[in-house]
């Protein structure tokens, strides 16, 4: 069973890295807020990093409640990951320099911008859906509708990270 969990954990990391963008969900008082962000997936560090701007509200929301959700979606391939974890925001300039790449250049001129912060999410658990793709899934759903059975749309598992 442990090897199955290890495979599932690896699949979560692989899917997140392949998808590359996540909706970061934080708590804003009693409400949840989600926004798309470029993810820097670092399996060896057991972390998902984001570059964020100190002038935005994420920092304040995370300071009040560090529990977050990351939702990754590849709708064309019908592959999804929902990850819960704990976030921390820092001004680690070396990490910012390391992560600064093309997506970041859309928001800041350089890694030296004093408003850039690094947001690190350490995973607690995840759930993934890994289907064979849209066309095959639609065929399986149509077949299931005609035959009165449930379609096998791939793997769906909860994973302790």
N, C-alpha and C. Protein backbone atom coordinates (compact mmCIF):
# COMPACT_ATOMS: atom_id res chain seq x y z
N UNK A 1 0.82 -1.20 0.00
CA UNK A 1 0.00 0.00 0.00
C UNK A 1 0.86 1.26 0.00
N UNK A 2 2.00 1.20 0.71
CA UNK A 2 2.88 2.38 0.77
C UNK A 2 3.40 2.72 -0.62
N UNK A 3 3.69 1.70 -1.45
CA UNK A 3 4.19 1.98 -2.78
C UNK A 3 3.11 2.63 -3.64
N UNK A 4 1.83 2.24 -3.43
CA UNK A 4 0.73 2.89 -4.14
C UNK A 4 0.66 4.36 -3.76
N UNK A 5 0.79 4.66 -2.46
CA UNK A 5 0.75 6.05 -2.02
C UNK A 5 1.94 6.82 -2.57
N UNK A 6 3.11 6.20 -2.58
CA UNK A 6 4.30 6.87 -3.13
C UNK A 6 4.10 7.19 -4.61
N UNK A 7 3.50 6.25 -5.36
CA UNK A 7 3.21 6.50 -6.78
C UNK A 7 2.21 7.64 -6.93
N UNK A 8 1.20 7.64 -6.07
CA UNK A 8 0.19 8.69 -6.13
C UNK A 8 0.79 10.06 -5.78
N UNK A 9 1.67 10.10 -4.80
CA UNK A 9 2.34 11.35 -4.44
C UNK A 9 3.16 11.85 -5.62
N UNK A 10 3.91 10.96 -6.26
CA UNK A 10 4.70 11.34 -7.43
C UNK A 10 3.80 11.85 -8.56
N UNK A 11 2.64 11.20 -8.73
CA UNK A 11 1.71 11.63 -9.79
C UNK A 11 1.20 13.03 -9.50
N UNK A 12 0.90 13.35 -8.24
CA UNK A 12 0.47 14.70 -7.87
C UNK A 12 1.54 15.71 -8.25
N UNK A 13 2.79 15.46 -7.86
CA UNK A 13 3.88 16.38 -8.18
C UNK A 13 4.06 16.52 -9.69
N UNK A 14 3.98 15.41 -10.43
CA UNK A 14 4.12 15.46 -11.88
C UNK A 14 3.01 16.28 -12.53
N UNK A 15 1.78 16.07 -12.09
CA UNK A 15 0.65 16.82 -12.66
C UNK A 15 0.78 18.31 -12.38
N UNK A 16 1.15 18.67 -11.14
CA UNK A 16 1.28 20.09 -10.81
C UNK A 16 2.36 20.74 -11.67
N UNK A 17 3.49 20.05 -11.83
CA UNK A 17 4.60 20.61 -12.62
C UNK A 17 4.18 20.77 -14.07
N UNK A 18 3.50 19.77 -14.62
CA UNK A 18 3.07 19.82 -16.02
C UNK A 18 2.06 20.94 -16.24
N UNK A 19 1.11 21.09 -15.35
CA UNK A 19 0.06 22.11 -15.52
C UNK A 19 0.65 23.50 -15.35
N UNK A 20 1.43 23.71 -14.29
CA UNK A 20 2.20 24.95 -14.15
C UNK A 20 1.48 26.18 -13.62
N UNK A 21 0.19 26.22 -13.67
CA UNK A 21 -0.57 27.36 -13.13
C UNK A 21 -1.61 26.83 -12.17
N UNK A 22 -1.85 27.60 -11.12
CA UNK A 22 -2.82 27.18 -10.11
C UNK A 22 -3.71 28.36 -9.71
N UNK A 23 -4.89 28.04 -9.29
CA UNK A 23 -5.72 29.02 -8.61
C UNK A 23 -5.34 28.91 -7.13
N UNK A 24 -4.81 30.00 -6.60
CA UNK A 24 -4.46 30.07 -5.18
C UNK A 24 -5.68 30.58 -4.43
N UNK A 25 -6.14 29.78 -3.47
CA UNK A 25 -7.33 30.14 -2.70
C UNK A 25 -6.91 30.47 -1.27
N UNK A 26 -7.27 31.69 -0.84
CA UNK A 26 -7.00 32.14 0.52
C UNK A 26 -8.32 32.54 1.16
N UNK A 27 -8.27 32.76 2.45
CA UNK A 27 -9.47 33.20 3.17
C UNK A 27 -9.35 34.70 3.40
N UNK A 28 -10.40 35.42 2.98
CA UNK A 28 -10.51 36.87 3.16
C UNK A 28 -11.67 37.10 4.11
N UNK A 29 -11.38 37.07 5.41
CA UNK A 29 -12.47 37.12 6.40
C UNK A 29 -13.27 35.85 6.32
N UNK A 30 -14.58 35.98 6.09
CA UNK A 30 -15.46 34.81 5.96
C UNK A 30 -15.54 34.28 4.53
N UNK A 31 -14.94 34.99 3.61
CA UNK A 31 -15.05 34.63 2.20
C UNK A 31 -13.74 33.99 1.70
N UNK A 32 -13.88 33.17 0.66
CA UNK A 32 -12.72 32.58 0.00
C UNK A 32 -12.41 33.40 -1.25
N UNK A 33 -11.13 33.61 -1.52
CA UNK A 33 -10.69 34.34 -2.71
C UNK A 33 -9.73 33.45 -3.50
N UNK A 34 -9.92 33.42 -4.80
CA UNK A 34 -9.05 32.64 -5.67
C UNK A 34 -8.48 33.54 -6.76
N UNK A 35 -7.23 33.27 -7.10
CA UNK A 35 -6.61 34.01 -8.19
C UNK A 35 -5.59 33.10 -8.87
N UNK A 36 -5.44 33.26 -10.22
CA UNK A 36 -4.48 32.42 -10.94
C UNK A 36 -3.05 32.89 -10.70
N UNK A 37 -2.16 31.93 -10.55
CA UNK A 37 -0.75 32.25 -10.29
C UNK A 37 0.14 31.21 -10.97
N UNK A 38 1.31 31.66 -11.43
CA UNK A 38 2.31 30.75 -11.99
C UNK A 38 2.99 30.01 -10.85
N UNK A 39 2.97 28.69 -10.92
CA UNK A 39 3.52 27.85 -9.85
C UNK A 39 4.93 27.37 -10.21
N UNK A 40 5.79 27.40 -9.22
CA UNK A 40 7.15 26.85 -9.33
C UNK A 40 7.17 25.63 -8.43
N UNK A 41 7.02 24.46 -9.03
CA UNK A 41 6.85 23.21 -8.29
C UNK A 41 8.23 22.62 -8.00
N UNK A 42 8.55 22.47 -6.72
CA UNK A 42 9.86 21.97 -6.29
C UNK A 42 9.67 20.73 -5.42
N UNK A 43 9.57 19.58 -6.07
CA UNK A 43 9.35 18.31 -5.37
C UNK A 43 10.43 18.04 -4.33
N UNK A 44 11.69 18.30 -4.68
CA UNK A 44 12.80 18.02 -3.76
C UNK A 44 12.74 18.87 -2.49
N UNK A 45 12.06 20.01 -2.56
CA UNK A 45 11.92 20.88 -1.40
C UNK A 45 10.57 20.73 -0.73
N UNK A 46 9.73 19.81 -1.25
CA UNK A 46 8.38 19.60 -0.74
C UNK A 46 7.62 20.93 -0.67
N UNK A 47 7.68 21.68 -1.78
CA UNK A 47 7.08 23.01 -1.78
C UNK A 47 6.62 23.42 -3.17
N UNK A 48 5.59 24.25 -3.18
CA UNK A 48 5.17 24.94 -4.39
C UNK A 48 5.36 26.42 -4.10
N UNK A 49 6.12 27.09 -4.96
CA UNK A 49 6.43 28.50 -4.77
C UNK A 49 5.67 29.36 -5.76
N UNK A 50 5.44 30.60 -5.36
CA UNK A 50 4.85 31.61 -6.23
C UNK A 50 5.58 32.91 -5.95
N UNK A 51 5.68 33.75 -6.96
CA UNK A 51 6.12 35.12 -6.72
C UNK A 51 4.86 35.97 -6.60
N UNK A 52 4.85 36.83 -5.62
CA UNK A 52 3.69 37.66 -5.36
C UNK A 52 4.13 39.08 -5.10
N UNK A 53 3.18 39.98 -5.04
CA UNK A 53 3.48 41.40 -4.88
C UNK A 53 3.01 41.86 -3.50
N UNK A 54 3.91 42.50 -2.77
CA UNK A 54 3.60 42.96 -1.41
C UNK A 54 2.46 43.96 -1.39
N UNK A 55 2.15 44.58 -2.52
CA UNK A 55 1.08 45.58 -2.57
C UNK A 55 -0.30 44.96 -2.75
N UNK A 56 -0.36 43.66 -2.85
CA UNK A 56 -1.64 42.97 -3.00
C UNK A 56 -2.09 42.42 -1.65
N UNK A 57 -3.28 41.83 -1.62
CA UNK A 57 -3.89 41.41 -0.35
C UNK A 57 -3.52 40.00 0.10
N UNK A 58 -2.87 39.22 -0.76
CA UNK A 58 -2.56 37.84 -0.40
C UNK A 58 -1.74 37.75 0.89
N UNK A 59 -0.75 38.62 0.99
CA UNK A 59 0.13 38.59 2.18
C UNK A 59 -0.67 38.74 3.47
N UNK A 60 -1.57 39.71 3.49
CA UNK A 60 -2.39 39.97 4.68
C UNK A 60 -3.31 38.78 4.97
N UNK A 61 -3.91 38.24 3.92
CA UNK A 61 -4.82 37.10 4.10
C UNK A 61 -4.08 35.89 4.65
N UNK A 62 -2.89 35.63 4.12
CA UNK A 62 -2.10 34.48 4.57
C UNK A 62 -1.60 34.70 6.00
N UNK A 63 -1.27 35.93 6.35
CA UNK A 63 -0.83 36.21 7.72
C UNK A 63 -1.95 35.90 8.71
N UNK A 64 -3.20 36.18 8.31
CA UNK A 64 -4.34 35.90 9.19
C UNK A 64 -4.69 34.41 9.22
N UNK A 65 -4.54 33.73 8.07
CA UNK A 65 -4.89 32.31 7.99
C UNK A 65 -4.00 31.67 6.92
N UNK A 66 -2.95 30.96 7.35
CA UNK A 66 -2.00 30.39 6.38
C UNK A 66 -2.49 29.14 5.65
N UNK A 67 -3.68 28.64 5.97
CA UNK A 67 -4.21 27.47 5.26
C UNK A 67 -4.72 27.91 3.89
N UNK A 68 -4.21 27.25 2.85
CA UNK A 68 -4.58 27.61 1.48
C UNK A 68 -4.94 26.37 0.68
N UNK A 69 -5.53 26.61 -0.48
CA UNK A 69 -5.80 25.56 -1.45
C UNK A 69 -5.20 25.99 -2.78
N UNK A 70 -4.59 25.04 -3.46
CA UNK A 70 -4.11 25.25 -4.82
C UNK A 70 -4.90 24.33 -5.74
N UNK A 71 -5.50 24.89 -6.77
CA UNK A 71 -6.26 24.09 -7.73
C UNK A 71 -5.61 24.19 -9.09
N UNK A 72 -5.12 23.06 -9.59
CA UNK A 72 -4.47 22.97 -10.88
C UNK A 72 -5.44 22.30 -11.85
N UNK A 73 -5.56 22.82 -13.07
CA UNK A 73 -6.50 22.24 -14.03
C UNK A 73 -5.92 22.23 -15.44
N UNK A 74 -5.90 21.07 -16.04
CA UNK A 74 -5.62 20.90 -17.46
C UNK A 74 -6.91 20.39 -18.06
N UNK A 75 -7.79 21.31 -18.47
CA UNK A 75 -9.12 20.91 -18.93
C UNK A 75 -9.06 20.12 -20.24
N UNK A 76 -8.11 20.44 -21.11
CA UNK A 76 -7.98 19.71 -22.37
C UNK A 76 -7.61 18.25 -22.15
N UNK A 77 -6.76 18.00 -21.17
CA UNK A 77 -6.34 16.64 -20.87
C UNK A 77 -7.16 15.99 -19.78
N UNK A 78 -8.11 16.76 -19.22
CA UNK A 78 -8.96 16.26 -18.14
C UNK A 78 -8.12 15.76 -16.96
N UNK A 79 -7.16 16.60 -16.53
CA UNK A 79 -6.29 16.28 -15.41
C UNK A 79 -6.37 17.43 -14.41
N UNK A 80 -6.57 17.08 -13.15
CA UNK A 80 -6.78 18.09 -12.12
C UNK A 80 -6.10 17.70 -10.82
N UNK A 81 -5.66 18.71 -10.05
CA UNK A 81 -5.12 18.49 -8.72
C UNK A 81 -5.68 19.57 -7.81
N UNK A 82 -6.14 19.16 -6.63
CA UNK A 82 -6.52 20.09 -5.58
C UNK A 82 -5.63 19.79 -4.39
N UNK A 83 -4.86 20.79 -3.97
CA UNK A 83 -3.88 20.59 -2.90
C UNK A 83 -4.18 21.54 -1.75
N UNK A 84 -4.17 21.03 -0.53
CA UNK A 84 -4.27 21.88 0.64
C UNK A 84 -2.91 21.94 1.31
N UNK A 85 -2.61 23.10 1.86
CA UNK A 85 -1.31 23.25 2.49
C UNK A 85 -1.23 24.49 3.34
N UNK A 86 -0.03 24.75 3.81
CA UNK A 86 0.23 25.90 4.66
C UNK A 86 1.16 26.84 3.90
N UNK A 87 0.79 28.12 3.88
CA UNK A 87 1.55 29.12 3.13
C UNK A 87 2.29 30.05 4.06
N UNK A 88 3.42 30.51 3.57
CA UNK A 88 4.20 31.54 4.28
C UNK A 88 4.77 32.47 3.21
N UNK A 89 4.75 33.76 3.51
CA UNK A 89 5.29 34.77 2.60
C UNK A 89 6.60 35.28 3.18
N UNK A 90 7.63 35.39 2.33
CA UNK A 90 8.91 35.91 2.81
C UNK A 90 9.52 36.86 1.79
N UNK A 91 10.57 37.53 2.23
CA UNK A 91 11.32 38.43 1.37
C UNK A 91 12.69 37.83 1.09
N UNK A 92 12.72 36.53 0.82
CA UNK A 92 13.95 35.80 0.54
C UNK A 92 14.45 36.19 -0.85
N UNK A 93 15.36 37.15 -0.90
CA UNK A 93 15.82 37.71 -2.17
C UNK A 93 16.55 36.67 -3.03
N UNK A 94 17.27 35.73 -2.42
CA UNK A 94 17.95 34.69 -3.19
C UNK A 94 16.92 33.79 -3.88
N UNK A 95 15.86 33.43 -3.18
CA UNK A 95 14.82 32.58 -3.77
C UNK A 95 14.08 33.35 -4.86
N UNK A 96 13.82 34.62 -4.63
CA UNK A 96 13.14 35.44 -5.65
C UNK A 96 13.99 35.47 -6.92
N UNK A 97 15.28 35.67 -6.76
CA UNK A 97 16.20 35.69 -7.92
C UNK A 97 16.18 34.35 -8.64
N UNK A 98 16.16 33.27 -7.88
CA UNK A 98 16.14 31.93 -8.46
C UNK A 98 14.86 31.68 -9.26
N UNK A 99 13.72 32.15 -8.74
CA UNK A 99 12.42 31.87 -9.37
C UNK A 99 12.06 32.85 -10.48
N UNK A 100 12.71 34.00 -10.51
CA UNK A 100 12.34 35.03 -11.47
C UNK A 100 12.57 34.52 -12.89
N UNK A 101 11.49 34.46 -13.68
CA UNK A 101 11.55 33.93 -15.04
C UNK A 101 10.51 34.65 -15.90
N UNK A 102 10.26 34.14 -17.07
CA UNK A 102 9.36 34.79 -18.02
C UNK A 102 8.00 35.16 -17.43
N UNK A 103 7.29 34.26 -16.73
CA UNK A 103 5.99 34.69 -16.19
C UNK A 103 6.11 35.90 -15.26
N UNK A 104 7.18 35.97 -14.49
CA UNK A 104 7.36 37.09 -13.56
C UNK A 104 7.60 38.40 -14.29
N UNK A 105 8.22 38.34 -15.46
CA UNK A 105 8.52 39.55 -16.22
C UNK A 105 7.25 40.26 -16.70
N UNK A 106 6.15 39.57 -16.69
CA UNK A 106 4.87 40.21 -17.05
C UNK A 106 4.43 41.17 -15.95
N UNK A 107 4.94 40.98 -14.72
CA UNK A 107 4.48 41.79 -13.58
C UNK A 107 5.54 42.74 -13.04
N UNK A 108 6.81 42.36 -13.16
CA UNK A 108 7.90 43.17 -12.61
C UNK A 108 9.00 43.31 -13.64
N UNK A 109 9.72 44.42 -13.60
CA UNK A 109 10.82 44.66 -14.54
C UNK A 109 12.03 43.78 -14.26
N UNK A 110 12.28 43.52 -12.97
CA UNK A 110 13.45 42.71 -12.62
C UNK A 110 13.23 42.07 -11.26
N UNK A 111 14.09 41.11 -10.95
CA UNK A 111 14.02 40.42 -9.65
C UNK A 111 14.37 41.35 -8.50
N UNK A 112 14.96 42.49 -8.80
CA UNK A 112 15.34 43.44 -7.75
C UNK A 112 14.18 44.32 -7.29
N UNK A 113 13.01 44.20 -7.94
CA UNK A 113 11.86 45.01 -7.53
C UNK A 113 11.58 44.77 -6.04
N UNK A 114 11.56 45.81 -5.22
CA UNK A 114 11.40 45.62 -3.78
C UNK A 114 10.01 45.13 -3.36
N UNK A 115 9.06 45.12 -4.28
CA UNK A 115 7.70 44.67 -3.96
C UNK A 115 7.50 43.16 -4.13
N UNK A 116 8.46 42.48 -4.75
CA UNK A 116 8.31 41.04 -4.97
C UNK A 116 8.52 40.29 -3.66
N UNK A 117 7.65 39.34 -3.42
CA UNK A 117 7.77 38.42 -2.29
C UNK A 117 7.67 37.00 -2.83
N UNK A 118 8.19 36.06 -2.06
CA UNK A 118 8.04 34.65 -2.41
C UNK A 118 7.02 34.03 -1.46
N UNK A 119 6.08 33.32 -2.05
CA UNK A 119 5.05 32.64 -1.28
C UNK A 119 5.35 31.14 -1.40
N UNK A 120 5.55 30.50 -0.27
CA UNK A 120 5.87 29.07 -0.25
C UNK A 120 4.69 28.31 0.35
N UNK A 121 4.22 27.30 -0.38
CA UNK A 121 3.15 26.44 0.11
C UNK A 121 3.74 25.06 0.37
N UNK A 122 3.60 24.61 1.61
CA UNK A 122 4.01 23.26 1.99
C UNK A 122 2.75 22.40 2.00
N UNK A 123 2.72 21.35 1.18
CA UNK A 123 1.50 20.53 1.06
C UNK A 123 1.18 19.72 2.31
N UNK A 124 -0.12 19.58 2.57
CA UNK A 124 -0.62 18.68 3.60
C UNK A 124 -1.21 17.44 2.94
N UNK A 125 -2.14 17.67 2.02
CA UNK A 125 -2.73 16.57 1.28
C UNK A 125 -3.24 17.07 -0.06
N UNK A 126 -3.59 16.12 -0.92
CA UNK A 126 -4.03 16.47 -2.27
C UNK A 126 -5.05 15.46 -2.74
N UNK A 127 -5.76 15.84 -3.78
CA UNK A 127 -6.62 14.91 -4.50
C UNK A 127 -6.38 15.16 -5.97
N UNK A 128 -6.28 14.07 -6.74
CA UNK A 128 -6.07 14.25 -8.17
C UNK A 128 -7.06 13.44 -8.98
N UNK A 129 -7.32 13.95 -10.17
CA UNK A 129 -8.15 13.30 -11.17
C UNK A 129 -7.31 13.23 -12.42
N UNK A 130 -7.09 12.04 -12.92
CA UNK A 130 -6.19 11.83 -14.05
C UNK A 130 -6.91 10.95 -15.06
N UNK A 131 -7.54 11.58 -16.05
CA UNK A 131 -8.31 10.81 -17.03
C UNK A 131 -7.50 10.62 -18.31
N UNK A 132 -7.96 9.76 -19.18
CA UNK A 132 -7.24 9.51 -20.43
C UNK A 132 -7.38 10.64 -21.45
N UNK A 133 -8.15 11.68 -21.15
CA UNK A 133 -8.32 12.81 -22.07
C UNK A 133 -9.77 13.02 -22.45
N UNK A 134 -10.07 14.16 -23.02
CA UNK A 134 -11.44 14.57 -23.31
C UNK A 134 -12.18 13.62 -24.25
N UNK A 135 -11.58 13.30 -25.39
CA UNK A 135 -12.27 12.49 -26.39
C UNK A 135 -12.62 11.12 -25.82
N UNK A 136 -11.64 10.47 -25.22
CA UNK A 136 -11.88 9.15 -24.65
C UNK A 136 -12.90 9.23 -23.52
N UNK A 137 -12.82 10.27 -22.69
CA UNK A 137 -13.78 10.43 -21.59
C UNK A 137 -15.20 10.59 -22.13
N UNK A 138 -15.37 11.41 -23.17
CA UNK A 138 -16.71 11.60 -23.74
C UNK A 138 -17.25 10.32 -24.33
N UNK A 139 -16.41 9.54 -24.99
CA UNK A 139 -16.84 8.25 -25.54
C UNK A 139 -17.27 7.31 -24.41
N UNK A 140 -16.48 7.27 -23.34
CA UNK A 140 -16.82 6.41 -22.20
C UNK A 140 -18.12 6.87 -21.53
N UNK A 141 -18.34 8.19 -21.44
CA UNK A 141 -19.58 8.69 -20.85
C UNK A 141 -20.78 8.35 -21.73
N UNK A 142 -20.61 8.48 -23.04
CA UNK A 142 -21.71 8.15 -23.96
C UNK A 142 -22.04 6.66 -23.88
N UNK A 143 -21.00 5.83 -23.84
CA UNK A 143 -21.20 4.38 -23.72
C UNK A 143 -21.91 4.05 -22.41
N UNK A 144 -21.50 4.69 -21.32
CA UNK A 144 -22.12 4.45 -20.02
C UNK A 144 -23.58 4.88 -20.04
N UNK A 145 -23.89 6.00 -20.69
CA UNK A 145 -25.27 6.47 -20.76
C UNK A 145 -26.15 5.48 -21.51
N UNK A 146 -25.62 4.90 -22.57
CA UNK A 146 -26.38 3.94 -23.37
C UNK A 146 -26.54 2.62 -22.63
N UNK A 147 -25.50 2.18 -21.94
CA UNK A 147 -25.52 0.86 -21.30
C UNK A 147 -26.04 0.90 -19.86
N UNK A 148 -26.19 2.12 -19.31
CA UNK A 148 -26.68 2.22 -17.93
C UNK A 148 -25.63 1.88 -16.90
N UNK A 149 -24.36 2.00 -17.27
CA UNK A 149 -23.26 1.72 -16.34
C UNK A 149 -22.54 3.02 -15.98
N UNK A 150 -21.63 2.93 -15.06
CA UNK A 150 -20.80 4.08 -14.69
C UNK A 150 -19.53 4.06 -15.54
N UNK A 151 -19.11 5.22 -16.07
CA UNK A 151 -17.89 5.24 -16.88
C UNK A 151 -16.63 5.21 -16.02
N UNK A 152 -15.60 4.56 -16.55
CA UNK A 152 -14.28 4.58 -15.91
C UNK A 152 -13.52 5.74 -16.55
N UNK A 153 -13.42 6.86 -15.81
CA UNK A 153 -12.81 8.06 -16.36
C UNK A 153 -11.39 8.28 -15.87
N UNK A 154 -10.74 7.23 -15.43
CA UNK A 154 -9.35 7.36 -15.00
C UNK A 154 -9.22 7.29 -13.49
N UNK A 155 -8.10 7.78 -13.00
CA UNK A 155 -7.79 7.69 -11.58
C UNK A 155 -8.25 8.93 -10.83
N UNK A 156 -8.78 8.71 -9.64
CA UNK A 156 -9.13 9.77 -8.70
C UNK A 156 -8.78 9.26 -7.31
N UNK A 157 -7.81 9.96 -6.67
CA UNK A 157 -7.42 9.51 -5.33
C UNK A 157 -7.07 10.69 -4.46
N UNK A 158 -7.30 10.48 -3.15
CA UNK A 158 -6.82 11.41 -2.14
C UNK A 158 -5.45 10.92 -1.69
N UNK A 159 -4.53 11.88 -1.47
CA UNK A 159 -3.14 11.54 -1.18
C UNK A 159 -2.65 12.35 0.00
N UNK A 160 -2.09 11.66 0.99
CA UNK A 160 -1.40 12.37 2.08
C UNK A 160 -0.03 12.75 1.56
N UNK A 161 0.30 14.01 1.64
CA UNK A 161 1.58 14.48 1.09
C UNK A 161 2.63 14.51 2.19
